[in-house]
Every structure is written in C-alpha cells, then in structure tokens.
C-alpha cells in the first residue's frame, strides 16, 4: 500500500501555542471544520481525523468528536474517517459498537475504528465518567470492550456475554458494519501493554509526535510485540500523527510563526520570538524535532525519512488552519510528487 495522508480538521482552538496542534485557530468554527474536510477530500487526501475530547483548548471549547465525524461523513464522499484515541470510558462499548456499525454503513465503509483507554483524567472526572487510576486496569477494560465490540459486529445470533467489566443479554447489532468482518481497528501509543493489545487485535497503530528516532524505537517495540503474538508488523498500518507548517519559502515561514505568536504573545517562548523577529536563523528544536516544518523541499525530505522508517499513514495537523494554503501546498508539492515516485 502506498503512503497515506490524513488531515485533522481543528475542532478546538489554541491561538499562539505553536506546540499544540492549532496555533492559528482563534476560535471554534463549525462551518470552517466542514469546509476544511471537504477541501481535503478535493485535494486528494486519504483520511479525516477528529480528536476525542470534551474539554480542550481555549475556554475548554471543543466540538464533540463522534458527532463531528458523523457530520463530516455526510459532507464528504470517499475519504476515510477516524476518531483519534476514542476513549473507551466515554461511551458504553456495546452502544459504541452500534454507533460504529451505523456510521460505517452510512459512510459506505469509510470508518477506521481507532480505540484507546482514555488519556485525560480531568475531563473524564468533570463529565462524571468512570476513571480507573491504574493504567493496567483501564487497558484490561479497553481490551474486553474491544473484544465485545468485535463479537457484536460479527455475531449471527443474539449475543449474551458476562465479562469482568461489561455484559450484554441477547444483544443484536444489525445491520452489521459495511466493512467485513468489521472496520479496521487501530490502537495508539506504547504504554501499559497497548502494543500487545495492538498485536492481538489491530490492523493499525498510531504514534503521537515524538520525532524520528523515538518513532523508530516505538515501531521496533511494536515489531517485538507482533513477534510475541505470531504476527508480522507488515500486517499493521503504522501511522504518525504530527503537526505541519509548510510555506513556499523561508521568509514566509518566519512570517507565519510571527503571526501565530501575535495571536497570544503571553504564550510565546523566547526562542520562538527570537526566530520570528529574525534574531535566530534556525527554527527552535521544539518545533523541528517532532513536527514537519519547512519549505516544500524540506518537508519532502522529512516525510521521506519517516516513510523510509516505516510510516504508512500520516495524520496531519496543519498549523496554519483555518487558512488552506498549507493544505493545498502540501498536496501539490509533497503529496503528489511522493505518490508519483512510488
């Protein structure tokens, strides 16, 4: 499979914080989210990804992820759809299985089921969801939930299961998912035995921004987990989620950083300001070590290095969003040439 490129339409805002996903996004805009998703599909991107949080960004204002994903399915036609790190604790697993089957049907088989244990204790407690302190316990709950979901998606008869954490009595999930036997399952991260969960159940795995060398170590750890469970890592679609800032030339890149910092100067670190104001020639390592930053030529080199190391799919947060210049420039100058050379 050729390398895939996904877009993360920002559903929250963090103006001025260039380390946190959406530094050019001043406030949440539902129409802008839909417009960016449609534009991504027009430009040939492969997937759309929505964050799964309830309180995040400026003023804790964020659109709910599953609802947003459902709307994006309705305003697009062919692009794949995923909820990043879907928290097991936020939705009762049997109902989540029904939701996923329904969205997969309505979208014509475009759902990627990216499942996780839940990572933000603060928002879980704020909304009254169960929060287990021990990560191992949350992982065990998540794996049982995932197993139950697959059973519901694939069972031909009413399903009764009495598990350690979840139970159903004569549950039926019909219609089944459009994709058979079920939508591809993705797992994220490395902690708490999640790599083994991935090796046992998943068709995809994702890493948050960690930089190239750490990414290689994580993928090697996944390969070891796959070996433990009798699988080949090549069976798993490996993805890298990261921020991207692409500009036609270096002066434009510097100007973009300066503009973002101007949106909230109180958030600006001295090294960011030094670069934006021309006192430093090089971008700070806090941006370049983990993210894709530069001109099209530079970004092509960076992307190629990740692809060489085993990345099959990129999940991209465009730092200049809601502007579409970066989205279009990457598609034309990086994505198309890379695909043409494959």
Protein backbone atom coordinates (compact mmCIF):
# COMPACT_ATOMS: atom_id res chain seq x y z
CA UNK A 1 0.00 0.00 0.00
CA UNK A 2 1.31 3.45 -0.90
CA UNK A 3 1.76 6.02 1.85
CA UNK A 4 -1.47 7.64 3.03
CA UNK A 5 -2.04 11.21 4.19
CA UNK A 6 -4.74 12.24 6.63
CA UNK A 7 -5.96 15.65 7.77
CA UNK A 8 -7.07 16.60 11.28
CA UNK A 9 -9.64 19.42 10.98
CA UNK A 10 -9.27 21.52 14.15
CA UNK A 11 -12.31 21.25 16.39
CA UNK A 12 -10.74 23.35 19.18
CA UNK A 13 -8.54 26.44 19.27
CA UNK A 14 -5.17 27.21 20.89
CA UNK A 15 -4.10 30.55 19.38
CA UNK A 16 -0.41 31.32 19.73
CA UNK A 17 0.62 27.96 21.18
CA UNK A 18 2.80 26.67 18.35
CA UNK A 19 3.49 23.41 20.17
CA UNK A 20 -0.18 22.46 20.45
CA UNK A 21 -1.87 21.44 17.23
CA UNK A 22 -3.89 24.53 16.24
CA UNK A 23 -1.91 27.73 16.93
CA UNK A 24 -3.58 29.73 14.14
CA UNK A 25 -7.14 28.77 15.11
CA UNK A 26 -8.59 31.68 17.09
CA UNK A 27 -11.98 30.18 17.95
CA UNK A 28 -14.03 27.10 17.19
CA UNK A 29 -15.90 27.36 13.88
CA UNK A 30 -18.16 24.50 12.81
CA UNK A 31 -18.52 25.77 9.21
CA UNK A 32 -14.74 26.05 8.90
CA UNK A 33 -14.29 22.46 10.08
CA UNK A 34 -16.67 21.20 7.41
CA UNK A 35 -15.06 23.37 4.75
CA UNK A 36 -11.58 22.10 5.58
CA UNK A 37 -12.76 18.50 5.45
CA UNK A 38 -14.33 18.99 2.05
CA UNK A 39 -11.25 20.78 0.74
CA UNK A 40 -9.01 17.95 1.99
CA UNK A 41 -11.07 15.46 0.01
CA UNK A 42 -10.94 17.66 -3.11
CA UNK A 43 -7.14 17.81 -2.84
CA UNK A 44 -6.81 14.04 -2.69
CA UNK A 45 -6.07 13.39 0.98
CA UNK A 46 -6.88 9.88 2.16
CA UNK A 47 -8.43 10.35 5.59
CA UNK A 48 -10.01 12.76 8.08
CA UNK A 49 -9.34 12.57 11.82
CA UNK A 50 -11.19 14.19 14.71
CA UNK A 51 -9.91 14.46 18.29
CA UNK A 52 -11.91 12.72 21.03
CA UNK A 53 -12.07 15.20 23.89
CA UNK A 54 -14.80 17.04 25.77
CA UNK A 55 -12.78 19.88 27.29
CA UNK A 56 -9.73 21.18 25.43
CA UNK A 57 -8.20 24.37 24.09
CA UNK A 58 -9.10 28.00 24.78
CA UNK A 59 -12.07 28.23 27.12
CA UNK A 60 -12.31 24.40 27.03
CA UNK A 61 -14.30 24.87 23.80
CA UNK A 62 -14.24 21.79 21.57
CA UNK A 63 -16.75 20.07 19.33
CA UNK A 64 -17.68 16.54 20.38
CA UNK A 65 -15.75 14.12 18.22
CA UNK A 66 -18.22 11.40 17.26
CA UNK A 67 -20.93 13.88 16.32
CA UNK A 68 -18.43 15.86 14.26
CA UNK A 69 -17.19 12.74 12.50
CA UNK A 70 -20.77 11.82 11.59
CA UNK A 71 -21.35 15.25 10.06
CA UNK A 72 -18.09 15.05 8.11
CA UNK A 73 -19.18 11.68 6.75
CA UNK A 74 -22.27 13.42 5.38
CA UNK A 75 -20.44 16.29 3.68
CA UNK A 76 -17.78 14.09 2.03
CA UNK A 77 -17.98 11.13 -0.34
CA UNK A 78 -14.94 8.89 -0.32
CA UNK A 79 -12.36 9.99 2.23
CA UNK A 80 -11.76 7.63 5.19
CA UNK A 81 -12.90 8.70 8.67
CA UNK A 82 -11.45 8.19 12.14
CA UNK A 83 -11.80 9.37 15.74
CA UNK A 84 -8.35 9.83 17.27
CA UNK A 85 -7.86 7.88 20.52
CA UNK A 86 -11.57 7.15 21.03
CA UNK A 87 -11.94 6.86 24.79
CA UNK A 88 -13.48 3.61 25.94
CA UNK A 89 -14.82 5.22 29.12
CA UNK A 90 -16.75 7.96 27.30
CA UNK A 91 -19.18 5.61 25.53
CA UNK A 92 -20.65 2.32 26.72
CA UNK A 93 -18.90 -0.25 24.50
CA UNK A 94 -22.00 -2.06 23.16
CA UNK A 95 -23.54 1.28 22.20
CA UNK A 96 -20.21 2.41 20.70
CA UNK A 97 -20.22 -0.76 18.58
CA UNK A 98 -23.71 0.09 17.32
CA UNK A 99 -22.64 3.67 16.58
CA UNK A 100 -19.60 2.48 14.66
CA UNK A 101 -21.59 -0.04 12.63
CA UNK A 102 -24.14 2.65 11.77
CA UNK A 103 -21.55 5.21 10.70
CA UNK A 104 -19.72 2.61 8.66
CA UNK A 105 -22.97 1.78 6.87
CA UNK A 106 -23.96 5.41 6.28
CA UNK A 107 -20.49 6.32 5.01
CA UNK A 108 -20.22 3.35 2.67
CA UNK A 109 -17.44 1.63 4.60
CA UNK A 110 -15.12 4.52 5.38
CA UNK A 111 -14.71 4.19 9.16
CA UNK A 112 -11.40 3.42 10.89
CA UNK A 113 -12.03 2.36 14.49
CA UNK A 114 -9.19 3.97 16.48
CA UNK A 115 -9.75 2.81 20.07
CA UNK A 116 -7.97 3.76 23.28
CA UNK A 117 -8.09 3.61 27.06
CA UNK A 118 -8.79 7.32 27.65
CA UNK A 119 -5.99 9.71 28.49
CA UNK A 120 -7.36 12.86 30.12
CA UNK A 121 -8.40 12.18 33.72
CA UNK A 122 -9.58 15.76 34.25
CA UNK A 123 -12.27 15.73 31.57
CA UNK A 124 -13.42 12.22 32.41
CA UNK A 125 -13.99 13.22 36.03
CA UNK A 126 -15.58 16.53 35.03
CA UNK A 127 -18.20 14.70 32.97
CA UNK A 128 -18.77 12.00 35.57
CA UNK A 129 -17.26 9.09 33.63
CA UNK A 130 -15.67 6.19 35.43
CA UNK A 131 -11.92 6.73 35.75
CA UNK A 132 -9.72 3.86 36.90
CA UNK A 133 -6.48 5.13 38.42
CA UNK A 134 -4.45 2.12 37.37
CA UNK A 135 -3.48 2.14 33.71
CA UNK A 136 -3.33 -1.66 33.65
CA UNK A 137 -6.97 -1.77 34.74
CA UNK A 138 -8.01 0.70 32.05
CA UNK A 139 -6.16 -1.33 29.44
CA UNK A 140 -7.90 -4.53 30.60
CA UNK A 141 -11.28 -2.79 30.39
CA UNK A 142 -10.48 -1.44 26.95
CA UNK A 143 -9.38 -4.83 25.61
CA UNK A 144 -12.54 -6.50 26.94
CA UNK A 145 -14.60 -3.70 25.41
CA UNK A 146 -12.88 -4.13 22.06
CA UNK A 147 -13.42 -7.89 22.09
CA UNK A 148 -17.11 -7.35 22.85
CA UNK A 149 -17.43 -4.84 20.01
CA UNK A 150 -15.98 -7.31 17.52
CA UNK A 151 -18.31 -10.01 18.79
CA UNK A 152 -21.30 -7.72 18.29
CA UNK A 153 -20.14 -6.80 14.77
CA UNK A 154 -19.67 -10.41 13.72
CA UNK A 155 -22.29 -12.43 15.66
CA UNK A 156 -25.03 -14.06 13.60
CA UNK A 157 -27.25 -14.71 16.62
CA UNK A 158 -28.24 -12.52 19.62
CA UNK A 159 -25.19 -12.17 21.83
CA UNK A 160 -25.01 -12.79 25.57
CA UNK A 161 -21.69 -12.09 27.29
CA UNK A 162 -20.97 -11.75 31.01
CA UNK A 163 -17.49 -10.27 31.18
CA UNK A 164 -15.40 -8.90 34.01
CA UNK A 165 -16.38 -5.32 33.16
CA UNK A 166 -19.18 -5.46 30.58
CA UNK A 167 -22.20 -7.62 29.85
CA UNK A 168 -24.88 -7.90 27.22
CA UNK A 169 -28.05 -10.02 27.21
CA UNK A 170 -29.30 -11.08 23.82
CA UNK A 171 -27.80 -8.02 22.11
CA UNK A 172 -28.12 -7.68 18.34
CA UNK A 173 -26.02 -5.31 16.21
CA UNK A 174 -27.74 -5.16 12.83
CA UNK A 175 -27.10 -4.02 10.22
CA UNK A 176 -23.54 -5.15 10.58
CA UNK A 177 -20.73 -2.80 9.59
CA UNK A 178 -20.38 -2.18 5.87
CA UNK A 179 -16.77 -3.37 6.04
CA UNK A 180 -16.48 -7.09 6.69
CA UNK A 181 -15.75 -8.60 9.05
CA UNK A 182 -15.51 -5.15 10.69
CA UNK A 183 -13.89 -1.73 10.24
CA UNK A 184 -10.10 -1.72 10.62
CA UNK A 185 -9.09 -1.42 14.26
CA UNK A 186 -6.30 0.94 15.25
CA UNK A 187 -4.56 1.22 18.61
CA UNK A 188 -2.36 4.11 19.73
CA UNK A 189 0.74 4.54 21.82
CA UNK A 190 3.04 2.18 23.72
CA UNK A 191 2.24 2.39 27.41
CA UNK A 192 0.55 -0.16 29.64
CA UNK A 193 0.75 -3.12 27.30
CA UNK A 194 -1.06 -1.38 24.45
CA UNK A 195 1.45 -2.70 21.92
CA UNK A 196 0.44 -6.24 22.88
CA UNK A 197 -3.22 -5.29 22.57
CA UNK A 198 -2.42 -3.95 19.12
CA UNK A 199 -0.62 -7.13 18.12
CA UNK A 200 -3.53 -9.26 19.30
CA UNK A 201 -6.38 -7.29 17.74
CA UNK A 202 -5.47 -4.42 15.45
CA UNK A 203 -4.89 -3.63 11.82
CA UNK A 204 -3.33 -0.23 12.53
CA UNK A 205 -1.18 1.59 15.11
CA UNK A 206 -0.55 5.29 15.68
CA UNK A 207 2.11 7.36 17.42
CA UNK A 208 1.76 10.95 18.57
CA UNK A 209 4.58 13.41 17.68
CA UNK A 210 7.81 12.09 19.19
CA UNK A 211 10.45 12.70 16.50
CA UNK A 212 12.07 10.34 14.04
CA UNK A 213 14.45 8.47 16.34
CA UNK A 214 11.83 7.84 19.01
CA UNK A 215 9.38 6.80 16.29
CA UNK A 216 11.87 4.15 15.13
CA UNK A 217 12.20 2.82 18.69
CA UNK A 218 8.43 2.65 19.07
CA UNK A 219 7.97 0.82 15.81
CA UNK A 220 10.67 -1.65 16.83
CA UNK A 221 8.83 -2.25 20.09
CA UNK A 222 5.64 -2.89 18.12
CA UNK A 223 7.53 -5.35 15.90
CA UNK A 224 8.64 -7.23 19.02
CA UNK A 225 5.06 -7.33 20.30
CA UNK A 226 3.91 -8.68 16.94
CA UNK A 227 6.58 -11.36 17.09
CA UNK A 228 5.40 -12.38 20.57
CA UNK A 229 1.90 -12.93 19.18
CA UNK A 230 2.84 -14.61 15.93
CA UNK A 231 2.21 -11.66 13.63
CA UNK A 232 4.26 -9.74 11.11
CA UNK A 233 4.41 -5.98 11.67
CA UNK A 234 3.85 -5.56 7.93
CA UNK A 235 0.25 -6.63 8.60
CA UNK A 236 -0.23 -3.43 10.63
CA UNK A 237 -0.69 0.02 9.10
CA UNK A 238 1.71 2.23 11.07
CA UNK A 239 0.80 5.90 11.35
CA UNK A 240 2.43 9.05 12.66
CA UNK A 241 0.31 11.92 13.96
CA UNK A 242 2.08 15.27 13.88
CA UNK A 243 1.83 18.99 13.26
CA UNK A 244 2.92 20.51 9.98
CA UNK A 245 3.87 24.04 8.99
CA UNK A 246 4.70 24.37 5.31
CA UNK A 247 5.39 27.62 3.47
CA UNK A 248 6.63 28.41 -0.05
CA UNK A 249 9.88 29.96 1.22
CA UNK A 250 11.78 30.69 4.42
CA UNK A 251 10.67 34.34 4.80
CA UNK A 252 7.05 33.20 4.54
CA UNK A 253 7.70 30.51 7.14
CA UNK A 254 9.15 33.06 9.57
CA UNK A 255 6.20 35.37 8.95
CA UNK A 256 3.72 32.61 9.70
CA UNK A 257 5.39 31.82 13.02
CA UNK A 258 5.34 35.52 13.90
CA UNK A 259 1.65 35.80 13.07
CA UNK A 260 0.75 32.84 15.26
CA UNK A 261 2.71 34.24 18.18
CA UNK A 262 0.95 37.58 17.78
CA UNK A 263 -2.39 35.89 18.47
CA UNK A 264 -1.39 35.31 22.08
CA UNK A 265 2.02 36.84 22.97
CA UNK A 266 1.79 35.60 26.54
CA UNK A 267 2.22 32.04 25.31
CA UNK A 268 5.33 32.77 23.26
CA UNK A 269 8.59 31.20 24.40
CA UNK A 270 11.72 33.36 23.98
CA UNK A 271 13.23 31.04 21.34
CA UNK A 272 10.07 31.29 19.24
CA UNK A 273 10.12 35.08 19.42
CA UNK A 274 13.82 35.21 18.54
CA UNK A 275 13.14 33.22 15.39
CA UNK A 276 10.03 35.18 14.42
CA UNK A 277 11.83 38.51 14.85
CA UNK A 278 14.95 37.43 12.97
CA UNK A 279 17.42 37.23 15.84
CA UNK A 280 17.74 33.46 15.34
CA UNK A 281 18.34 31.98 11.90
CA UNK A 282 17.26 28.46 12.75
CA UNK A 283 13.85 27.27 13.85
CA UNK A 284 13.79 26.19 17.51
CA UNK A 285 14.22 22.49 18.15
CA UNK A 286 10.88 22.42 19.99
CA UNK A 287 9.27 22.70 16.55
CA UNK A 288 11.65 20.82 14.26
CA UNK A 289 12.38 17.79 16.45
CA UNK A 290 8.82 16.42 16.43
CA UNK A 291 6.93 18.23 13.68
CA UNK A 292 7.16 18.66 9.92
CA UNK A 293 8.29 22.26 9.37
CA UNK A 294 9.82 23.98 6.36
CA UNK A 295 9.58 24.68 2.67
CA UNK A 296 8.20 22.02 0.27
CA UNK A 297 11.73 20.73 -0.45
CA UNK A 298 12.47 20.43 3.26
CA UNK A 299 9.13 18.81 4.04
CA UNK A 300 9.61 16.26 1.25
CA UNK A 301 12.91 15.21 2.83
CA UNK A 302 11.35 14.97 6.28
CA UNK A 303 8.39 12.94 5.05
CA UNK A 304 10.67 10.64 3.05
CA UNK A 305 12.72 9.90 6.17
CA UNK A 306 9.61 8.85 8.09
CA UNK A 307 8.37 6.74 5.18
CA UNK A 308 11.78 5.06 4.99
CA UNK A 309 11.49 4.24 8.70
CA UNK A 310 8.12 2.55 8.25
CA UNK A 311 5.37 5.18 8.39
CA UNK A 312 2.43 4.10 6.22
CA UNK A 313 0.00 6.87 7.11
CA UNK A 314 0.43 10.48 8.32
CA UNK A 315 -2.20 12.23 10.46
CA UNK A 316 -1.50 15.92 9.87
CA UNK A 317 -2.50 18.93 11.94
CA UNK A 318 -1.93 21.92 9.65
CA UNK A 319 -0.67 24.72 11.88
CA UNK A 320 -1.88 27.48 9.56
CA UNK A 321 -5.51 26.27 9.63
CA UNK A 322 -8.17 27.57 9.11
CA UNK A 323 -6.20 29.02 6.19
CA UNK A 324 -5.98 26.45 3.40
CA UNK A 325 -2.65 27.48 1.89
CA UNK A 326 -0.66 24.84 3.75
CA UNK A 327 -3.21 22.15 2.98
CA UNK A 328 -3.04 22.93 -0.74
CA UNK A 329 0.73 23.47 -0.87
CA UNK A 330 1.46 20.13 0.78
CA UNK A 331 -0.93 18.32 -1.58
CA UNK A 332 0.64 19.84 -4.68
CA UNK A 333 4.33 19.96 -3.75
CA UNK A 334 4.76 16.99 -1.43
CA UNK A 335 1.90 14.51 -1.65
CA UNK A 336 1.62 14.35 -5.45
CA UNK A 337 5.37 14.04 -6.17
CA UNK A 338 5.76 11.37 -3.49
CA UNK A 339 2.92 9.33 -4.94
CA UNK A 340 4.22 9.78 -8.48
CA UNK A 341 7.61 8.39 -7.49
CA UNK A 342 6.17 5.41 -5.64
